[in-house]
């Protein structure tokens, strides 16, 4: 880009630039018009005169450099021989090199070629950096997909032993995400909860069949054994470097804790229970109540909603219940989308 209020200079500089293979001059006699072009286009080199009536070269460089895509563009300023102080100020403003009037054609071409070479090298580095960033993203996506596959296989392993269905796992995970969204959590937190929630009952793989698959109500001693699935799930998942598995461990351990402190295994109370565990508690109980099992009939949605509502402040975090109740239309849509097989 060539900016000079003198038409003769513009014609001269443009003609010289065209002698360089692959180079093209974009000429402006009005600095403000040049800035308008620079705001939506990118150049490889700026050639700007100092003495201009609309704004001088220093003012132009300052505004030019403020344009994000022009930050690293090299700048060649044209000055008079006796303007040394101007040169110092121009360097501070971001000028890269100088030419003095009258401009020597050989020197002009040499300096422009050198600066275009620098600009090309910088652009290659930026392209390389962008390519590397894209490769890292692709590699990370592969790792994330493998991690998700591992999580789902773990959950399927539990399904083979647990009378609960895969559809239950999908429903309660999506319920959890809906609640998190309603509570104002970030999209990243919502996605994390969606991926980790299915691991809430992974510890049931460590419970004996005569207890896990018992069709009737568990005896007190059997229920004490069943309670251990929360600790078993935590032990299976704890210590992982994966954030998803870390959260899965937290949910496995805490989703049977109750807001009033009467839950298990730790008897935690109120906000000492991790927020993801509090959310999963509501989602899990609601779907369990409305799902048919070998040992019980499904509750109506109305009765299950009433149970959750009445549990606020006792079993459940009141804020989580409030978010759940405000999301019932989305909850119904999830129930329709992920139905149990006949």
C-alpha atoms as a PDB file:
ATOM      1  CA  UNK A   1       0.000   0.000   0.000  1.00  0.00           C
ATOM      2  CA  UNK A   2       1.396   3.381  -1.084  1.00  0.00           C
ATOM      3  CA  UNK A   3       0.111   6.545   0.637  1.00  0.00           C
ATOM      4  CA  UNK A   4       1.305   9.932  -0.653  1.00  0.00           C
ATOM      5  CA  UNK A   5      -0.636  13.113  -1.368  1.00  0.00           C
ATOM      6  CA  UNK A   6       1.639  13.860  -4.339  1.00  0.00           C
ATOM      7  CA  UNK A   7       0.256  12.237  -7.499  1.00  0.00           C
ATOM      8  CA  UNK A   8       3.679  12.263  -9.210  1.00  0.00           C
ATOM      9  CA  UNK A   9       5.190  10.282  -6.334  1.00  0.00           C
ATOM     10  CA  UNK A  10       2.315   7.790  -6.421  1.00  0.00           C
ATOM     11  CA  UNK A  11       2.834   7.166 -10.141  1.00  0.00           C
ATOM     12  CA  UNK A  12       6.595   6.797  -9.647  1.00  0.00           C
ATOM     13  CA  UNK A  13       6.409   4.440  -6.641  1.00  0.00           C
ATOM     14  CA  UNK A  14       3.701   2.346  -8.264  1.00  0.00           C
ATOM     15  CA  UNK A  15       5.784   1.964 -11.449  1.00  0.00           C
ATOM     16  CA  UNK A  16       8.815   0.890  -9.415  1.00  0.00           C
ATOM     17  CA  UNK A  17       6.829  -1.611  -7.363  1.00  0.00           C
ATOM     18  CA  UNK A  18       5.526  -3.250 -10.545  1.00  0.00           C
ATOM     19  CA  UNK A  19       9.134  -4.081 -11.497  1.00  0.00           C
ATOM     20  CA  UNK A  20       9.219  -6.559  -8.602  1.00  0.00           C
ATOM     21  CA  UNK A  21       7.884  -9.991  -9.567  1.00  0.00           C
ATOM     22  CA  UNK A  22       4.479 -10.646  -8.033  1.00  0.00           C
ATOM     23  CA  UNK A  23       4.210  -7.209  -6.422  1.00  0.00           C
ATOM     24  CA  UNK A  24       1.240  -4.890  -6.881  1.00  0.00           C
ATOM     25  CA  UNK A  25       0.805  -1.351  -5.590  1.00  0.00           C
ATOM     26  CA  UNK A  26      -2.444  -0.110  -4.052  1.00  0.00           C
ATOM     27  CA  UNK A  27      -2.191   3.686  -4.204  1.00  0.00           C
ATOM     28  CA  UNK A  28      -3.960   6.336  -2.114  1.00  0.00           C
ATOM     29  CA  UNK A  29      -3.587  10.099  -2.198  1.00  0.00           C
ATOM     30  CA  UNK A  30      -5.968  10.508   0.785  1.00  0.00           C
ATOM     31  CA  UNK A  31      -4.762   8.964   4.071  1.00  0.00           C
ATOM     32  CA  UNK A  32      -8.259   8.442   5.504  1.00  0.00           C
ATOM     33  CA  UNK A  33      -9.307   6.585   2.383  1.00  0.00           C
ATOM     34  CA  UNK A  34      -6.195   4.412   2.760  1.00  0.00           C
ATOM     35  CA  UNK A  35      -7.119   3.596   6.370  1.00  0.00           C
ATOM     36  CA  UNK A  36     -10.602   2.622   5.223  1.00  0.00           C
ATOM     37  CA  UNK A  37      -9.101   0.134   2.767  1.00  0.00           C
ATOM     38  CA  UNK A  38      -6.669  -1.171   5.413  1.00  0.00           C
ATOM     39  CA  UNK A  39      -9.516  -1.902   7.815  1.00  0.00           C
ATOM     40  CA  UNK A  40     -10.857  -4.651   5.522  1.00  0.00           C
ATOM     41  CA  UNK A  41      -7.751  -5.698   3.553  1.00  0.00           C
ATOM     42  CA  UNK A  42      -4.231  -6.841   4.401  1.00  0.00           C
ATOM     43  CA  UNK A  43      -1.063  -5.570   2.718  1.00  0.00           C
ATOM     44  CA  UNK A  44       2.494  -6.933   2.882  1.00  0.00           C
ATOM     45  CA  UNK A  45       4.218  -3.548   3.027  1.00  0.00           C
ATOM     46  CA  UNK A  46       3.203   0.051   3.707  1.00  0.00           C
ATOM     47  CA  UNK A  47       5.021   2.918   1.967  1.00  0.00           C
ATOM     48  CA  UNK A  48       3.945   6.258   3.443  1.00  0.00           C
ATOM     49  CA  UNK A  49       5.086   9.855   3.051  1.00  0.00           C
ATOM     50  CA  UNK A  50       5.587  11.986   6.145  1.00  0.00           C
ATOM     51  CA  UNK A  51       4.436  15.368   4.830  1.00  0.00           C
ATOM     52  CA  UNK A  52       0.722  15.111   4.022  1.00  0.00           C
ATOM     53  CA  UNK A  53      -1.983  17.763   4.619  1.00  0.00           C
ATOM     54  CA  UNK A  54      -4.855  15.559   5.864  1.00  0.00           C
ATOM     55  CA  UNK A  55      -2.718  13.787   8.488  1.00  0.00           C
ATOM     56  CA  UNK A  56       1.051  13.371   8.633  1.00  0.00           C
ATOM     57  CA  UNK A  57       2.859  10.047   8.320  1.00  0.00           C
ATOM     58  CA  UNK A  58       3.265   9.618  12.081  1.00  0.00           C
ATOM     59  CA  UNK A  59      -0.461   9.974  12.693  1.00  0.00           C
ATOM     60  CA  UNK A  60      -1.154   7.604   9.822  1.00  0.00           C
ATOM     61  CA  UNK A  61       1.214   4.939  11.186  1.00  0.00           C
ATOM     62  CA  UNK A  62      -0.401   5.135  14.633  1.00  0.00           C
ATOM     63  CA  UNK A  63      -3.884   4.578  13.231  1.00  0.00           C
ATOM     64  CA  UNK A  64      -2.643   1.944  10.776  1.00  0.00           C
ATOM     65  CA  UNK A  65      -0.972  -0.052  13.547  1.00  0.00           C
ATOM     66  CA  UNK A  66      -4.178   0.071  15.583  1.00  0.00           C
ATOM     67  CA  UNK A  67      -5.868  -2.076  12.916  1.00  0.00           C
ATOM     68  CA  UNK A  68      -5.521  -5.655  14.142  1.00  0.00           C
ATOM     69  CA  UNK A  69      -4.610  -7.341  10.856  1.00  0.00           C
ATOM     70  CA  UNK A  70      -1.962  -4.681  10.085  1.00  0.00           C
ATOM     71  CA  UNK A  71      -0.084  -4.898  13.402  1.00  0.00           C
ATOM     72  CA  UNK A  72       2.961  -6.702  11.998  1.00  0.00           C
ATOM     73  CA  UNK A  73       3.094  -5.158   8.520  1.00  0.00           C
ATOM     74  CA  UNK A  74       6.527  -3.554   7.820  1.00  0.00           C
ATOM     75  CA  UNK A  75       6.474   0.194   7.124  1.00  0.00           C
ATOM     76  CA  UNK A  76       8.745   2.226   4.844  1.00  0.00           C
ATOM     77  CA  UNK A  77       8.501   5.972   5.527  1.00  0.00           C
ATOM     78  CA  UNK A  78       9.556   8.657   3.059  1.00  0.00           C
ATOM     79  CA  UNK A  79      11.170  11.680   4.772  1.00  0.00           C
ATOM     80  CA  UNK A  80      13.411  14.625   3.969  1.00  0.00           C
ATOM     81  CA  UNK A  81      17.143  14.630   4.821  1.00  0.00           C
ATOM     82  CA  UNK A  82      16.803  17.100   7.676  1.00  0.00           C
ATOM     83  CA  UNK A  83      14.001  15.261   9.518  1.00  0.00           C
ATOM     84  CA  UNK A  84      16.069  13.124  11.918  1.00  0.00           C
ATOM     85  CA  UNK A  85      13.796  13.822  14.897  1.00  0.00           C
ATOM     86  CA  UNK A  86      10.829  12.760  12.791  1.00  0.00           C
ATOM     87  CA  UNK A  87      12.606   9.486  12.078  1.00  0.00           C
ATOM     88  CA  UNK A  88      13.091   8.830  15.796  1.00  0.00           C
ATOM     89  CA  UNK A  89       9.421   9.449  16.440  1.00  0.00           C
ATOM     90  CA  UNK A  90       8.485   7.268  13.478  1.00  0.00           C
ATOM     91  CA  UNK A  91      10.553   4.396  14.896  1.00  0.00           C
ATOM     92  CA  UNK A  92       8.672   4.724  18.167  1.00  0.00           C
ATOM     93  CA  UNK A  93       5.409   4.665  16.207  1.00  0.00           C
ATOM     94  CA  UNK A  94       6.330   1.464  14.384  1.00  0.00           C
ATOM     95  CA  UNK A  95       8.182   2.438  11.189  1.00  0.00           C
ATOM     96  CA  UNK A  96      10.599  -0.249   9.990  1.00  0.00           C
ATOM     97  CA  UNK A  97      12.807   1.649   7.524  1.00  0.00           C
ATOM     98  CA  UNK A  98      13.244   5.049   5.831  1.00  0.00           C
ATOM     99  CA  UNK A  99      13.977   6.565   2.458  1.00  0.00           C
ATOM    100  CA  UNK A 100      15.011  10.183   1.981  1.00  0.00           C
ATOM    101  CA  UNK A 101      13.879  12.549  -0.742  1.00  0.00           C
ATOM    102  CA  UNK A 102      14.730  12.683  -3.549  1.00  0.00           C
ATOM    103  CA  UNK A 103      14.200   8.912  -3.680  1.00  0.00           C
ATOM    104  CA  UNK A 104      16.899   6.858  -5.381  1.00  0.00           C
ATOM    105  CA  UNK A 105      15.254   4.239  -7.607  1.00  0.00           C
ATOM    106  CA  UNK A 106      17.888   1.539  -7.024  1.00  0.00           C
ATOM    107  CA  UNK A 107      17.777   2.032  -3.256  1.00  0.00           C
ATOM    108  CA  UNK A 108      13.963   2.080  -3.321  1.00  0.00           C
ATOM    109  CA  UNK A 109      13.764  -1.261  -5.130  1.00  0.00           C
ATOM    110  CA  UNK A 110      16.375  -2.880  -2.878  1.00  0.00           C
ATOM    111  CA  UNK A 111      14.677  -1.793   0.339  1.00  0.00           C
ATOM    112  CA  UNK A 112      11.202  -2.745  -0.872  1.00  0.00           C
ATOM    113  CA  UNK A 113      12.395  -6.207  -1.971  1.00  0.00           C
ATOM    114  CA  UNK A 114      14.085  -6.784   1.391  1.00  0.00           C
ATOM    115  CA  UNK A 115      11.024  -5.717   3.341  1.00  0.00           C
ATOM    116  CA  UNK A 116       8.709  -7.867   1.210  1.00  0.00           C
ATOM    117  CA  UNK A 117      11.007 -10.826   1.876  1.00  0.00           C
ATOM    118  CA  UNK A 118      10.692 -10.188   5.613  1.00  0.00           C
ATOM    119  CA  UNK A 119       6.927  -9.867   5.278  1.00  0.00           C
ATOM    120  CA  UNK A 120       6.704 -13.134   3.344  1.00  0.00           C
ATOM    121  CA  UNK A 121       8.796 -14.928   5.980  1.00  0.00           C
ATOM    122  CA  UNK A 122       6.555 -13.583   8.749  1.00  0.00           C
ATOM    123  CA  UNK A 123       3.452 -14.734   6.903  1.00  0.00           C
ATOM    124  CA  UNK A 124       4.965 -18.194   6.422  1.00  0.00           C
ATOM    125  CA  UNK A 125       5.614 -18.382  10.156  1.00  0.00           C
ATOM    126  CA  UNK A 126       2.026 -17.374  10.893  1.00  0.00           C
ATOM    127  CA  UNK A 127       0.751 -19.981   8.421  1.00  0.00           C
ATOM    128  CA  UNK A 128       2.997 -22.577  10.051  1.00  0.00           C
ATOM    129  CA  UNK A 129       1.714 -21.624  13.494  1.00  0.00           C
ATOM    130  CA  UNK A 130      -1.881 -21.879  12.270  1.00  0.00           C
ATOM    131  CA  UNK A 131      -1.134 -25.288  10.730  1.00  0.00           C
ATOM    132  CA  UNK A 132       0.448 -26.520  13.967  1.00  0.00           C
ATOM    133  CA  UNK A 133      -2.514 -25.252  15.990  1.00  0.00           C
ATOM    134  CA  UNK A 134      -4.874 -27.111  13.649  1.00  0.00           C
ATOM    135  CA  UNK A 135      -2.818 -30.309  13.970  1.00  0.00           C
ATOM    136  CA  UNK A 136      -2.878 -30.026  17.761  1.00  0.00           C
ATOM    137  CA  UNK A 137      -6.653 -29.536  17.645  1.00  0.00           C
ATOM    138  CA  UNK A 138      -7.064 -32.642  15.463  1.00  0.00           C
ATOM    139  CA  UNK A 139      -4.855 -34.719  17.778  1.00  0.00           C
ATOM    140  CA  UNK A 140      -6.758 -33.447  20.814  1.00  0.00           C
ATOM    141  CA  UNK A 141     -10.084 -34.308  19.169  1.00  0.00           C
ATOM    142  CA  UNK A 142      -8.859 -37.880  18.624  1.00  0.00           C
ATOM    143  CA  UNK A 143      -7.896 -38.166  22.294  1.00  0.00           C
ATOM    144  CA  UNK A 144     -11.249 -36.749  23.399  1.00  0.00           C
ATOM    145  CA  UNK A 145     -13.144 -39.200  21.172  1.00  0.00           C
ATOM    146  CA  UNK A 146     -11.132 -42.131  22.560  1.00  0.00           C
ATOM    147  CA  UNK A 147     -11.837 -40.933  26.074  1.00  0.00           C
ATOM    148  CA  UNK A 148     -15.557 -40.696  25.337  1.00  0.00           C
ATOM    149  CA  UNK A 149     -15.508 -44.199  23.882  1.00  0.00           C
ATOM    150  CA  UNK A 150     -13.787 -45.500  27.022  1.00  0.00           C
ATOM    151  CA  UNK A 151     -16.392 -43.817  29.214  1.00  0.00           C
ATOM    152  CA  UNK A 152     -19.295 -45.264  27.230  1.00  0.00           C
ATOM    153  CA  UNK A 153     -17.759 -48.742  27.323  1.00  0.00           C
ATOM    154  CA  UNK A 154     -17.391 -48.470  31.088  1.00  0.00           C
ATOM    155  CA  UNK A 155     -21.037 -47.471  31.343  1.00  0.00           C
ATOM    156  CA  UNK A 156     -22.077 -50.353  29.087  1.00  0.00           C
ATOM    157  CA  UNK A 157     -20.154 -52.760  31.314  1.00  0.00           C
ATOM    158  CA  UNK A 158     -22.322 -51.607  34.206  1.00  0.00           C
ATOM    159  CA  UNK A 159     -25.457 -51.927  32.063  1.00  0.00           C
ATOM    160  CA  UNK A 160     -24.844 -55.672  31.583  1.00  0.00           C
ATOM    161  CA  UNK A 161     -25.189 -56.169  35.331  1.00  0.00           C
ATOM    162  CA  UNK A 162     -27.665 -53.456  36.224  1.00  0.00           C
ATOM    163  CA  UNK A 163     -31.397 -53.767  35.474  1.00  0.00           C
ATOM    164  CA  UNK A 164     -31.409 -50.083  34.534  1.00  0.00           C
ATOM    165  CA  UNK A 165     -31.303 -49.465  30.775  1.00  0.00           C
ATOM    166  CA  UNK A 166     -28.987 -47.570  28.480  1.00  0.00           C
ATOM    167  CA  UNK A 167     -31.864 -45.203  27.724  1.00  0.00           C
ATOM    168  CA  UNK A 168     -31.988 -44.290  31.425  1.00  0.00           C
ATOM    169  CA  UNK A 169     -28.330 -43.323  31.288  1.00  0.00           C
ATOM    170  CA  UNK A 170     -28.908 -41.132  28.221  1.00  0.00           C
ATOM    171  CA  UNK A 171     -32.000 -39.493  29.701  1.00  0.00           C
ATOM    172  CA  UNK A 172     -30.530 -38.661  33.093  1.00  0.00           C
ATOM    173  CA  UNK A 173     -27.333 -37.331  31.467  1.00  0.00           C
ATOM    174  CA  UNK A 174     -29.357 -35.010  29.218  1.00  0.00           C
ATOM    175  CA  UNK A 175     -31.601 -33.987  32.122  1.00  0.00           C
ATOM    176  CA  UNK A 176     -28.427 -33.076  34.019  1.00  0.00           C
ATOM    177  CA  UNK A 177     -27.180 -30.942  31.143  1.00  0.00           C
ATOM    178  CA  UNK A 178     -30.524 -29.134  30.857  1.00  0.00           C
ATOM    179  CA  UNK A 179     -30.496 -28.339  34.575  1.00  0.00           C
ATOM    180  CA  UNK A 180     -26.891 -27.077  34.381  1.00  0.00           C
ATOM    181  CA  UNK A 181     -27.806 -24.806  31.475  1.00  0.00           C
ATOM    182  CA  UNK A 182     -30.796 -23.430  33.378  1.00  0.00           C
ATOM    183  CA  UNK A 183     -28.496 -22.695  36.342  1.00  0.00           C
ATOM    184  CA  UNK A 184     -26.254 -20.576  34.107  1.00  0.00           C
ATOM    185  CA  UNK A 185     -23.294 -22.924  33.811  1.00  0.00           C
ATOM    186  CA  UNK A 186     -20.966 -22.518  30.847  1.00  0.00           C
ATOM    187  CA  UNK A 187     -21.328 -24.669  27.729  1.00  0.00           C
ATOM    188  CA  UNK A 188     -18.032 -26.388  28.629  1.00  0.00           C
ATOM    189  CA  UNK A 189     -19.432 -27.311  32.075  1.00  0.00           C
ATOM    190  CA  UNK A 190     -22.666 -28.536  30.500  1.00  0.00           C
ATOM    191  CA  UNK A 191     -20.736 -30.746  28.056  1.00  0.00           C
ATOM    192  CA  UNK A 192     -18.533 -32.080  30.850  1.00  0.00           C
ATOM    193  CA  UNK A 193     -21.574 -33.001  32.929  1.00  0.00           C
ATOM    194  CA  UNK A 194     -23.240 -34.675  29.939  1.00  0.00           C
ATOM    195  CA  UNK A 195     -20.176 -36.878  29.476  1.00  0.00           C
ATOM    196  CA  UNK A 196     -19.529 -37.630  33.160  1.00  0.00           C
ATOM    197  CA  UNK A 197     -23.088 -38.175  34.427  1.00  0.00           C
ATOM    198  CA  UNK A 198     -23.485 -41.638  32.813  1.00  0.00           C
ATOM    199  CA  UNK A 199     -20.782 -42.942  35.181  1.00  0.00           C
ATOM    200  CA  UNK A 200     -22.846 -42.238  38.315  1.00  0.00           C
ATOM    201  CA  UNK A 201     -23.659 -45.924  38.956  1.00  0.00           C
ATOM    202  CA  UNK A 202     -20.499 -47.522  37.521  1.00  0.00           C
ATOM    203  CA  UNK A 203     -19.752 -48.902  40.993  1.00  0.00           C
ATOM    204  CA  UNK A 204     -22.651 -51.362  40.684  1.00  0.00           C
ATOM    205  CA  UNK A 205     -20.277 -53.663  38.820  1.00  0.00           C
ATOM    206  CA  UNK A 206     -18.879 -54.493  42.262  1.00  0.00           C
ATOM    207  CA  UNK A 207     -22.228 -55.466  43.837  1.00  0.00           C
ATOM    208  CA  UNK A 208     -23.209 -59.146  44.013  1.00  0.00           C
ATOM    209  CA  UNK A 209     -26.026 -60.317  41.716  1.00  0.00           C
ATOM    210  CA  UNK A 210     -28.240 -61.569  44.547  1.00  0.00           C
ATOM    211  CA  UNK A 211     -28.410 -57.974  45.806  1.00  0.00           C
ATOM    212  CA  UNK A 212     -28.169 -55.992  42.585  1.00  0.00           C
ATOM    213  CA  UNK A 213     -30.826 -58.055  40.779  1.00  0.00           C
ATOM    214  CA  UNK A 214     -33.132 -58.758  43.705  1.00  0.00           C
ATOM    215  CA  UNK A 215     -36.728 -58.129  42.531  1.00  0.00           C
ATOM    216  CA  UNK A 216     -38.075 -57.092  45.915  1.00  0.00           C
ATOM    217  CA  UNK A 217     -37.107 -54.609  48.586  1.00  0.00           C
ATOM    218  CA  UNK A 218     -33.598 -54.990  49.997  1.00  0.00           C
ATOM    219  CA  UNK A 219     -33.120 -56.025  53.608  1.00  0.00           C
ATOM    220  CA  UNK A 220     -31.255 -53.490  55.796  1.00  0.00           C
ATOM    221  CA  UNK A 221     -27.980 -55.439  55.614  1.00  0.00           C
ATOM    222  CA  UNK A 222     -28.368 -55.841  51.842  1.00  0.00           C
ATOM    223  CA  UNK A 223     -29.015 -52.116  51.467  1.00  0.00           C
ATOM    224  CA  UNK A 224     -25.796 -51.373  53.378  1.00  0.00           C
ATOM    225  CA  UNK A 225     -23.938 -53.466  50.816  1.00  0.00           C
ATOM    226  CA  UNK A 226     -25.758 -51.720  47.945  1.00  0.00           C
ATOM    227  CA  UNK A 227     -24.668 -48.364  49.334  1.00  0.00           C
ATOM    228  CA  UNK A 228     -21.070 -49.361  48.668  1.00  0.00           C
ATOM    229  CA  UNK A 229     -21.569 -48.882  44.915  1.00  0.00           C
ATOM    230  CA  UNK A 230     -20.955 -45.146  45.406  1.00  0.00           C
ATOM    231  CA  UNK A 231     -17.531 -45.762  46.969  1.00  0.00           C
ATOM    232  CA  UNK A 232     -16.683 -48.519  44.475  1.00  0.00           C
ATOM    233  CA  UNK A 233     -17.482 -46.189  41.561  1.00  0.00           C
ATOM    234  CA  UNK A 234     -15.319 -43.476  43.072  1.00  0.00           C
ATOM    235  CA  UNK A 235     -12.394 -45.877  43.514  1.00  0.00           C
ATOM    236  CA  UNK A 236     -12.723 -47.095  39.940  1.00  0.00           C
ATOM    237  CA  UNK A 237     -12.503 -43.585  38.504  1.00  0.00           C
ATOM    238  CA  UNK A 238     -10.382 -41.613  40.973  1.00  0.00           C
ATOM    239  CA  UNK A 239      -6.830 -40.547  40.190  1.00  0.00           C
ATOM    240  CA  UNK A 240      -7.340 -40.263  36.430  1.00  0.00           C
ATOM    241  CA  UNK A 241      -5.646 -37.450  34.505  1.00  0.00           C
ATOM    242  CA  UNK A 242      -8.896 -37.115  32.532  1.00  0.00           C
ATOM    243  CA  UNK A 243     -11.121 -34.283  33.705  1.00  0.00           C
ATOM    244  CA  UNK A 244     -14.172 -36.277  32.585  1.00  0.00           C
ATOM    245  CA  UNK A 245     -13.225 -39.275  34.724  1.00  0.00           C
ATOM    246  CA  UNK A 246     -12.352 -36.998  37.644  1.00  0.00           C
ATOM    247  CA  UNK A 247     -15.846 -35.507  37.513  1.00  0.00           C
ATOM    248  CA  UNK A 248     -17.299 -39.001  37.021  1.00  0.00           C
ATOM    249  CA  UNK A 249     -15.597 -40.092  40.251  1.00  0.00           C
ATOM    250  CA  UNK A 250     -17.001 -37.051  42.059  1.00  0.00           C
ATOM    251  CA  UNK A 251     -20.528 -37.789  40.788  1.00  0.00           C
ATOM    252  CA  UNK A 252     -20.309 -41.516  41.581  1.00  0.00           C
ATOM    253  CA  UNK A 253     -19.372 -40.737  45.175  1.00  0.00           C
ATOM    254  CA  UNK A 254     -21.810 -37.890  45.771  1.00  0.00           C
ATOM    255  CA  UNK A 255     -25.029 -38.508  43.833  1.00  0.00           C
ATOM    256  CA  UNK A 256     -26.721 -40.250  46.805  1.00  0.00           C
ATOM    257  CA  UNK A 257     -25.824 -37.513  49.267  1.00  0.00           C
ATOM    258  CA  UNK A 258     -28.801 -35.432  50.421  1.00  0.00           C
ATOM    259  CA  UNK A 259     -29.132 -31.691  50.967  1.00  0.00           C
ATOM    260  CA  UNK A 260     -30.164 -32.223  54.619  1.00  0.00           C
ATOM    261  CA  UNK A 261     -27.184 -34.502  55.360  1.00  0.00           C
ATOM    262  CA  UNK A 262     -29.140 -37.771  55.548  1.00  0.00           C
ATOM    263  CA  UNK A 263     -27.615 -39.299  52.408  1.00  0.00           C
ATOM    264  CA  UNK A 264     -24.681 -41.654  51.874  1.00  0.00           C
ATOM    265  CA  UNK A 265     -21.806 -42.552  51.845  1.00  0.00           C
ATOM    266  CA  UNK A 266     -20.412 -39.449  53.576  1.00  0.00           C
ATOM    267  CA  UNK A 267     -23.493 -37.796  55.068  1.00  0.00           C
ATOM    268  CA  UNK A 268     -22.506 -34.553  53.353  1.00  0.00           C
ATOM    269  CA  UNK A 269     -24.834 -31.600  53.740  1.00  0.00           C
ATOM    270  CA  UNK A 270     -25.822 -28.582  51.631  1.00  0.00           C
ATOM    271  CA  UNK A 271     -23.180 -27.027  49.420  1.00  0.00           C
ATOM    272  CA  UNK A 272     -20.485 -29.358  50.739  1.00  0.00           C
ATOM    273  CA  UNK A 273     -21.970 -31.778  48.206  1.00  0.00           C
ATOM    274  CA  UNK A 274     -20.356 -31.088  44.786  1.00  0.00           C
ATOM    275  CA  UNK A 275     -22.742 -29.218  42.488  1.00  0.00           C
ATOM    276  CA  UNK A 276     -22.548 -31.840  39.714  1.00  0.00           C
ATOM    277  CA  UNK A 277     -23.564 -34.519  42.232  1.00  0.00           C
ATOM    278  CA  UNK A 278     -26.514 -32.378  43.368  1.00  0.00           C
ATOM    279  CA  UNK A 279     -27.676 -31.994  39.770  1.00  0.00           C
ATOM    280  CA  UNK A 280     -27.314 -35.689  38.949  1.00  0.00           C
ATOM    281  CA  UNK A 281     -29.255 -36.591  42.106  1.00  0.00           C
ATOM    282  CA  UNK A 282     -32.366 -34.824  40.790  1.00  0.00           C
ATOM    283  CA  UNK A 283     -31.974 -36.119  37.228  1.00  0.00           C
ATOM    284  CA  UNK A 284     -31.333 -39.705  38.360  1.00  0.00           C
ATOM    285  CA  UNK A 285     -34.196 -39.905  40.864  1.00  0.00           C
ATOM    286  CA  UNK A 286     -36.740 -38.376  38.491  1.00  0.00           C
ATOM    287  CA  UNK A 287     -35.911 -40.779  35.681  1.00  0.00           C
ATOM    288  CA  UNK A 288     -35.700 -43.791  38.005  1.00  0.00           C
ATOM    289  CA  UNK A 289     -39.176 -43.005  39.358  1.00  0.00           C
ATOM    290  CA  UNK A 290     -40.704 -42.656  35.883  1.00  0.00           C
ATOM    291  CA  UNK A 291     -39.040 -45.837  34.547  1.00  0.00           C
ATOM    292  CA  UNK A 292     -40.401 -49.360  34.938  1.00  0.00           C
ATOM    293  CA  UNK A 293     -38.103 -51.891  36.572  1.00  0.00           C
ATOM    294  CA  UNK A 294     -38.440 -55.621  37.343  1.00  0.00           C
ATOM    295  CA  UNK A 295     -39.025 -54.691  40.976  1.00  0.00           C
ATOM    296  CA  UNK A 296     -41.440 -51.722  40.487  1.00  0.00           C
ATOM    297  CA  UNK A 297     -43.968 -50.034  38.228  1.00  0.00           C
ATOM    298  CA  UNK A 298     -43.222 -46.646  36.661  1.00  0.00           C
ATOM    299  CA  UNK A 299     -44.598 -43.583  38.422  1.00  0.00           C
ATOM    300  CA  UNK A 300     -46.563 -41.021  36.462  1.00  0.00           C
ATOM    301  CA  UNK A 301     -44.580 -37.940  35.408  1.00  0.00           C
ATOM    302  CA  UNK A 302     -46.861 -35.782  37.548  1.00  0.00           C
ATOM    303  CA  UNK A 303     -46.203 -37.849  40.683  1.00  0.00           C
ATOM    304  CA  UNK A 304     -42.453 -37.908  40.014  1.00  0.00           C
ATOM    305  CA  UNK A 305     -42.354 -34.136  39.509  1.00  0.00           C
ATOM    306  CA  UNK A 306     -44.313 -33.680  42.738  1.00  0.00           C
ATOM    307  CA  UNK A 307     -41.838 -35.957  44.568  1.00  0.00           C
ATOM    308  CA  UNK A 308     -38.867 -33.932  43.327  1.00  0.00           C
ATOM    309  CA  UNK A 309     -40.609 -30.671  44.213  1.00  0.00           C
ATOM    310  CA  UNK A 310     -41.412 -31.893  47.738  1.00  0.00           C
ATOM    311  CA  UNK A 311     -37.808 -33.046  48.162  1.00  0.00           C
ATOM    312  CA  UNK A 312     -36.397 -29.516  47.793  1.00  0.00           C
ATOM    313  CA  UNK A 313     -34.508 -28.608  50.952  1.00  0.00           C
ATOM    314  CA  UNK A 314     -34.527 -32.197  52.173  1.00  0.00           C
ATOM    315  CA  UNK A 315     -33.266 -34.637  49.594  1.00  0.00           C
ATOM    316  CA  UNK A 316     -32.409 -32.088  46.916  1.00  0.00           C
ATOM    317  CA  UNK A 317     -30.717 -28.726  46.521  1.00  0.00           C
ATOM    318  CA  UNK A 318     -33.600 -26.209  46.203  1.00  0.00           C
ATOM    319  CA  UNK A 319     -31.805 -24.306  43.423  1.00  0.00           C
ATOM    320  CA  UNK A 320     -31.399 -27.488  41.390  1.00  0.00           C
ATOM    321  CA  UNK A 321     -35.060 -28.379  41.869  1.00  0.00           C
ATOM    322  CA  UNK A 322     -36.056 -24.880  40.770  1.00  0.00           C
ATOM    323  CA  UNK A 323     -33.964 -25.233  37.604  1.00  0.00           C
ATOM    324  CA  UNK A 324     -35.449 -28.687  36.943  1.00  0.00           C
ATOM    325  CA  UNK A 325     -39.031 -27.466  37.329  1.00  0.00           C
ATOM    326  CA  UNK A 326     -38.314 -24.532  34.987  1.00  0.00           C
ATOM    327  CA  UNK A 327     -37.073 -26.999  32.350  1.00  0.00           C
ATOM    328  CA  UNK A 328     -39.968 -29.476  32.253  1.00  0.00           C
ATOM    329  CA  UNK A 329     -40.779 -28.865  28.582  1.00  0.00           C
ATOM    330  CA  UNK A 330     -37.203 -29.826  27.670  1.00  0.00           C
ATOM    331  CA  UNK A 331     -37.346 -32.791  30.066  1.00  0.00           C
ATOM    332  CA  UNK A 332     -40.465 -34.094  28.271  1.00  0.00           C
ATOM    333  CA  UNK A 333     -38.693 -33.735  24.908  1.00  0.00           C
ATOM    334  CA  UNK A 334     -35.748 -35.796  26.184  1.00  0.00           C
ATOM    335  CA  UNK A 335     -38.121 -38.491  27.466  1.00  0.00           C
ATOM    336  CA  UNK A 336     -39.686 -38.702  24.007  1.00  0.00           C
ATOM    337  CA  UNK A 337     -36.302 -38.815  22.284  1.00  0.00           C
ATOM    338  CA  UNK A 338     -34.792 -41.556  24.453  1.00  0.00           C
ATOM    339  CA  UNK A 339     -37.516 -44.098  25.183  1.00  0.00           C
ATOM    340  CA  UNK A 340     -36.882 -47.535  26.700  1.00  0.00           C
ATOM    341  CA  UNK A 341     -37.020 -50.464  24.316  1.00  0.00           C
ATOM    342  CA  UNK A 342     -40.208 -52.487  24.602  1.00  0.00           C
END
